[in-house]
Protein backbone atom coordinates (compact mmCIF):
# COMPACT_ATOMS: atom_id res chain seq x y z
CA MET A 1 -128.14 103.42 40.41
CA ARG A 2 -129.16 106.55 38.43
CA LYS A 3 -125.68 108.49 38.90
CA LEU A 4 -124.42 104.94 37.39
CA PHE A 5 -127.17 105.50 34.45
CA VAL A 6 -126.33 108.69 33.31
CA LEU A 7 -122.31 108.48 33.67
CA THR A 8 -122.19 105.32 31.48
CA LEU A 9 -124.54 107.35 29.35
CA PHE A 10 -122.19 110.71 29.06
CA PHE A 11 -118.92 107.85 28.28
CA THR A 12 -121.27 106.55 25.39
CA GLY A 13 -121.96 109.55 23.93
CA PHE A 14 -118.21 110.78 24.30
CA ALA A 15 -117.08 107.62 22.61
CA LEU A 16 -119.54 108.02 19.80
CA ASN A 17 -118.97 111.26 19.08
CA ALA A 18 -114.76 110.28 19.15
CA GLN A 19 -115.69 107.93 16.07
CA ASN A 20 -117.28 110.75 14.74
CA TYR A 21 -114.50 113.42 15.21
CA GLY A 22 -112.44 110.81 13.25
CA ALA A 23 -114.70 110.47 10.40
CA ILE A 24 -114.47 114.61 10.16
CA ASN A 25 -110.56 114.38 10.54
CA GLU A 26 -110.62 111.94 7.57
CA ILE A 27 -112.90 114.57 5.33
CA LEU A 28 -110.41 117.31 6.31
CA ASP A 29 -107.22 115.63 5.02
CA ARG A 30 -109.13 114.32 1.95
CA LEU A 31 -110.17 118.17 1.16
CA GLU A 32 -106.65 119.53 2.18
CA GLU A 33 -105.07 117.08 -0.50
CA ARG A 34 -107.43 118.83 -3.13
CA LYS A 35 -106.51 122.16 -2.20
CA GLY A 36 -102.92 120.91 -2.36
CA ILE A 37 -102.29 121.69 1.22
CA ASN A 38 -101.57 118.33 2.79
CA GLN A 39 -99.63 116.39 -0.33
CA HIS A 40 -95.96 115.17 -0.22
CA LEU A 41 -94.36 116.22 -3.14
CA GLU A 42 -90.76 116.29 -2.11
CA ASN A 43 -89.68 113.59 -4.51
CA VAL A 44 -91.60 115.11 -7.47
CA SER A 45 -88.92 116.09 -9.52
CA ILE A 46 -89.47 120.35 -11.47
CA ASP A 47 -86.04 120.15 -13.19
CA ASN A 48 -86.35 121.18 -17.21
CA LYS A 49 -89.99 121.45 -16.08
CA LYS A 50 -92.41 124.50 -17.73
CA PHE A 51 -95.35 125.59 -16.47
CA VAL A 52 -97.81 127.71 -18.10
CA LEU A 53 -100.49 130.56 -17.45
CA LEU A 54 -103.11 131.57 -19.80
CA LYS A 55 -105.16 134.47 -18.66
CA ASP A 56 -108.40 136.29 -21.78
CA PHE A 57 -109.70 139.81 -20.99
CA ASN A 58 -111.69 142.16 -23.17
CA ASP A 59 -108.86 143.52 -24.84
CA HIS A 60 -105.80 141.40 -24.58
CA THR A 61 -105.15 137.66 -23.74
CA GLU A 62 -101.65 137.19 -21.72
CA ARG A 63 -99.75 134.37 -21.22
CA SER A 64 -97.01 133.20 -19.13
CA PHE A 65 -94.19 130.80 -19.00
CA LEU A 66 -92.54 129.74 -16.19
CA ILE A 67 -89.75 127.18 -17.22
CA ILE A 68 -87.12 125.73 -14.65
CA LYS A 69 -83.81 124.54 -15.50
CA GLY A 70 -82.08 123.12 -12.14
CA LYS A 71 -81.81 126.06 -10.05
CA ASP A 72 -82.10 129.05 -12.74
CA VAL A 73 -85.20 129.70 -13.91
CA THR A 74 -87.07 131.70 -17.00
CA TYR A 75 -90.05 133.77 -16.06
CA VAL A 76 -91.72 135.08 -19.87
CA GLU A 77 -94.78 136.97 -20.23
CA MET A 78 -96.50 137.25 -23.73
CA PHE A 79 -99.37 139.98 -24.27
CA ASP A 80 -101.41 139.84 -27.39
CA ASP A 81 -103.49 142.87 -27.69
CA LYS A 82 -106.95 141.36 -29.56
CA ALA A 83 -107.32 144.89 -31.18
CA THR A 84 -104.22 144.97 -33.24
CA ALA A 85 -103.34 141.36 -32.99
CA LYS A 86 -99.65 142.62 -32.02
CA SER A 87 -97.87 140.68 -29.54
CA THR A 88 -95.34 142.28 -26.71
CA SER A 89 -93.08 139.69 -24.45
CA ASN A 90 -90.60 140.70 -21.51
CA VAL A 91 -88.02 137.56 -20.70
CA PHE A 92 -87.06 137.11 -17.41
CA SER A 93 -84.19 135.63 -15.74
CA GLY A 94 -83.45 134.46 -12.02
CA ASP A 95 -83.08 131.35 -9.61
CA VAL A 96 -85.53 129.28 -7.87
CA ILE A 97 -85.26 127.65 -4.10
CA ARG A 98 -87.50 124.66 -3.62
CA LYS A 99 -88.41 123.64 -0.03
CA LYS A 100 -90.68 120.64 -0.10
CA ASN A 101 -93.74 122.05 -1.78
CA ILE A 102 -92.74 125.67 -1.50
CA ILE A 103 -91.07 126.71 -4.72
CA SER A 104 -89.58 130.30 -4.60
CA VAL A 105 -89.04 132.37 -7.79
CA ARG A 106 -86.84 135.63 -7.91
CA ALA A 107 -86.35 137.15 -11.50
CA ASP A 108 -84.01 139.91 -11.34
CA LYS A 109 -83.03 140.20 -14.98
CA LEU A 110 -85.07 141.64 -17.79
CA GLU A 111 -83.62 140.50 -20.98
CA ASN A 112 -80.19 140.19 -19.06
CA LYS A 113 -79.95 143.40 -17.81
CA LYS A 114 -80.34 143.79 -13.90
CA ILE A 115 -83.69 145.29 -12.68
CA PRO A 116 -83.79 147.16 -9.63
CA ILE A 117 -86.92 145.18 -8.38
CA PRO A 118 -86.54 141.62 -8.74
CA VAL A 119 -89.96 139.90 -9.80
CA ALA A 120 -90.81 137.44 -6.73
CA LYS A 121 -92.91 135.02 -6.75
CA THR A 122 -94.36 132.41 -4.14
CA LEU A 123 -95.33 129.16 -5.59
CA LEU A 124 -97.11 125.82 -3.79
CA LEU A 125 -96.53 122.62 -5.73
CA THR A 126 -99.73 120.16 -6.00
CA LYS A 127 -100.40 116.98 -7.91
CA GLN A 128 -104.04 116.90 -8.99
CA LYS A 129 -105.02 113.63 -11.11
CA GLU A 130 -101.64 112.72 -12.63
CA ILE A 131 -101.13 116.65 -13.55
CA LEU A 132 -98.81 119.15 -11.69
CA TYR A 133 -99.79 122.26 -10.83
CA LEU A 134 -98.63 125.59 -9.43
CA ILE A 135 -100.19 128.06 -7.58
CA ASP A 136 -99.61 131.06 -6.73
CA ILE A 137 -100.02 131.95 -3.08
CA ASN A 138 -100.35 135.70 -3.39
CA SER A 139 -102.95 135.37 -6.53
CA ARG A 140 -104.27 132.11 -6.82
CA ASP A 141 -103.34 131.59 -10.04
CA ARG A 142 -102.76 127.92 -11.24
CA TRP A 143 -99.87 127.32 -13.44
CA ILE A 144 -100.33 123.96 -15.43
CA ASP A 145 -97.44 121.17 -16.54
CA GLU A 146 -97.04 122.36 -20.57
CA GLU A 147 -96.66 118.73 -21.07
CA ALA A 148 -100.64 117.69 -19.25
CA TYR A 149 -101.88 121.17 -21.08
CA SER A 150 -100.53 119.88 -24.44
CA LYS A 151 -101.51 116.51 -24.31
CA LYS A 152 -105.54 117.85 -23.10
CA SER A 153 -105.34 120.44 -26.76
CA LYS A 154 -104.41 117.29 -28.75
């Protein structure tokens, strides 16, 4: 009788833990969606989209733009010097490849001149609160959709 009681207790505990694992799995799925890992955005078009990245430093401000048109991409870097109020820019062009939520950018021309080492970026497409983001896989920089950014600033 004692063995039957212990065996019943064991299977009951196992069943309760299985329910807890299901709840934990649901929580992990929601956290992955927030980080952009588990989203299915294959049907979201990024054609004719412009993404913006802003970085503010003590001596300068960096503004970067990523403009995607079909298979072509334009990558613009703008540097604003706070001391002299001068702006400089670099305009790169190249191509883009998309596989599901991963976007690979390879810009091999600087102002229409071929460069020996192309600028390459691997980005993860995510969506949070109806706003599209590109997260740089290497640096964790977050590029925001320019349409959403211009709506926020108005």
